[in-house]
């Protein structure tokens, strides 16, 4: 569908055969401007960060709900995920960052170990509940 819209100026060329030049030029200019606007909006949409799917979880901040050595249950973006980490010192309540996704298991790291202070609980929830975008 997008390719048809971008080909609209080419498809609108017969307007010069059907209408007088005084009427065809403004009409063709409007079609050209509409096509340019759609193209610009499409480029802007393609450059926006991913909001859904596995890619949206990368670098998301979550909270550890259960810890058993390197195996964790992590609350990320209002979902409970199974996670693993190389650091066995992570405790329940610690803030973690998602590094990778392997099938349905997250690989995480502790934010306290990375030198970053964990966000307050209200701040962590607000990060992902404002229009679905991370602030």
Protein backbone atom coordinates (compact mmCIF):
# COMPACT_ATOMS: atom_id res chain seq x y z
CA UNK A 1 0.00 0.00 0.00
CA UNK A 2 2.79 2.43 0.87
CA UNK A 3 4.43 1.94 -2.49
CA UNK A 4 1.21 2.84 -4.28
CA UNK A 5 0.99 6.09 -2.33
CA UNK A 6 4.58 6.97 -3.22
CA UNK A 7 3.80 6.23 -6.90
CA UNK A 8 0.82 8.60 -6.80
CA UNK A 9 2.63 11.48 -8.56
CA UNK A 10 3.45 9.13 -11.44
CA UNK A 11 -0.12 7.86 -11.58
CA UNK A 12 -1.42 11.46 -11.51
CA UNK A 13 0.46 12.54 -14.65
CA UNK A 14 -2.58 11.97 -16.92
CA UNK A 15 -4.20 14.94 -15.18
CA UNK A 16 -2.16 17.11 -17.60
CA UNK A 17 -3.90 15.42 -20.57
CA UNK A 18 -7.39 15.68 -19.10
CA UNK A 19 -7.41 19.19 -17.62
CA UNK A 20 -6.15 22.58 -18.80
CA UNK A 21 -2.68 23.51 -17.54
CA UNK A 22 -4.08 26.15 -15.13
CA UNK A 23 -6.15 23.52 -13.33
CA UNK A 24 -3.73 20.60 -13.70
CA UNK A 25 -0.70 22.30 -12.09
CA UNK A 26 -2.34 23.09 -8.72
CA UNK A 27 -3.96 19.66 -8.59
CA UNK A 28 -0.69 17.91 -9.37
CA UNK A 29 1.12 20.12 -6.83
CA UNK A 30 -1.39 19.11 -4.15
CA UNK A 31 -0.90 15.42 -5.01
CA UNK A 32 2.88 15.87 -4.87
CA UNK A 33 2.65 17.64 -1.48
CA UNK A 34 0.38 14.90 -0.10
CA UNK A 35 2.83 12.24 -1.26
CA UNK A 36 5.76 14.08 0.33
CA UNK A 37 3.85 14.42 3.62
CA UNK A 38 3.01 10.71 3.68
CA UNK A 39 6.65 9.86 2.95
CA UNK A 40 7.91 12.09 5.79
CA UNK A 41 5.38 10.61 8.23
CA UNK A 42 6.39 7.08 7.20
CA UNK A 43 10.08 7.83 7.80
CA UNK A 44 9.30 9.33 11.22
CA UNK A 45 7.23 6.26 12.16
CA UNK A 46 10.01 3.87 11.10
CA UNK A 47 12.58 5.68 13.26
CA UNK A 48 10.52 5.45 16.46
CA UNK A 49 11.64 2.91 19.05
CA UNK A 50 9.90 -0.43 19.23
CA UNK A 51 6.97 -0.44 21.65
CA UNK A 52 5.87 -4.07 21.51
CA UNK A 53 7.42 -7.49 21.20
CA UNK A 54 10.67 -8.85 22.49
CA UNK A 55 12.71 -5.87 21.29
CA UNK A 56 10.75 -3.55 23.58
CA UNK A 57 11.97 -5.47 26.63
CA UNK A 58 15.66 -4.81 25.97
CA UNK A 59 17.08 -2.39 28.57
CA UNK A 60 13.76 -2.34 30.43
CA UNK A 61 13.94 -2.00 34.20
CA UNK A 62 12.28 -4.60 36.41
CA UNK A 63 12.08 -5.77 40.00
CA UNK A 64 13.10 -9.17 41.32
CA UNK A 65 10.09 -10.98 42.82
CA UNK A 66 11.79 -14.31 43.62
CA UNK A 67 15.44 -15.38 43.64
CA UNK A 68 16.99 -18.83 43.81
CA UNK A 69 20.69 -18.51 43.06
CA UNK A 70 21.03 -17.42 39.44
CA UNK A 71 17.37 -18.19 38.62
CA UNK A 72 14.96 -15.31 39.14
CA UNK A 73 11.36 -14.28 38.68
CA UNK A 74 11.34 -10.67 37.50
CA UNK A 75 8.47 -8.19 37.17
CA UNK A 76 9.06 -6.20 33.95
CA UNK A 77 6.48 -4.00 32.20
CA UNK A 78 3.58 -5.41 34.23
CA UNK A 79 4.54 -9.02 33.41
CA UNK A 80 6.23 -11.74 35.44
CA UNK A 81 9.21 -13.26 33.59
CA UNK A 82 11.62 -16.08 34.29
CA UNK A 83 15.15 -14.71 34.26
CA UNK A 84 18.73 -15.76 34.81
CA UNK A 85 21.82 -13.89 35.86
CA UNK A 86 25.45 -14.69 36.49
CA UNK A 87 25.30 -12.82 39.79
CA UNK A 88 23.91 -14.91 42.65
CA UNK A 89 23.92 -11.91 45.01
CA UNK A 90 20.69 -10.48 43.59
CA UNK A 91 17.95 -10.38 46.23
CA UNK A 92 14.20 -9.98 46.15
CA UNK A 93 13.29 -6.33 45.57
CA UNK A 94 16.47 -5.45 43.65
CA UNK A 95 16.14 -3.47 40.43
CA UNK A 96 17.45 -5.23 37.33
CA UNK A 97 17.94 -4.33 33.68
CA UNK A 98 17.07 -6.70 30.84
CA UNK A 99 20.16 -7.46 28.73
CA UNK A 100 18.85 -10.14 26.37
CA UNK A 101 15.95 -12.44 25.66
CA UNK A 102 16.52 -16.15 25.09
CA UNK A 103 13.27 -17.90 24.11
CA UNK A 104 11.00 -17.01 27.06
CA UNK A 105 13.77 -16.34 29.56
CA UNK A 106 15.36 -12.98 30.21
CA UNK A 107 19.02 -12.38 30.98
CA UNK A 108 19.33 -9.56 33.48
CA UNK A 109 21.93 -7.66 35.48
CA UNK A 110 21.57 -5.89 38.78
CA UNK A 111 21.40 -2.11 38.57
CA UNK A 112 23.04 -1.82 41.99
CA UNK A 113 26.10 -3.72 40.70
CA UNK A 114 26.29 -1.53 37.59
CA UNK A 115 26.73 1.57 39.73
CA UNK A 116 23.26 2.94 39.04
CA UNK A 117 20.88 3.49 41.90
CA UNK A 118 17.65 1.56 41.51
CA UNK A 119 14.69 3.82 40.79
CA UNK A 120 12.04 4.27 43.47
CA UNK A 121 9.06 1.93 42.92
CA UNK A 122 6.73 4.73 41.80
CA UNK A 123 9.36 6.00 39.35
CA UNK A 124 9.98 2.51 37.94
CA UNK A 125 6.26 2.07 37.26
CA UNK A 126 5.91 5.53 35.73
CA UNK A 127 8.78 4.92 33.30
CA UNK A 128 6.72 2.57 31.18
CA UNK A 129 3.13 3.65 31.76
CA UNK A 130 3.27 7.05 30.09
CA UNK A 131 2.00 6.56 26.52
CA UNK A 132 3.89 3.26 26.37
CA UNK A 133 7.22 5.04 25.95
CA UNK A 134 10.25 4.97 28.18
CA UNK A 135 11.17 8.39 29.46
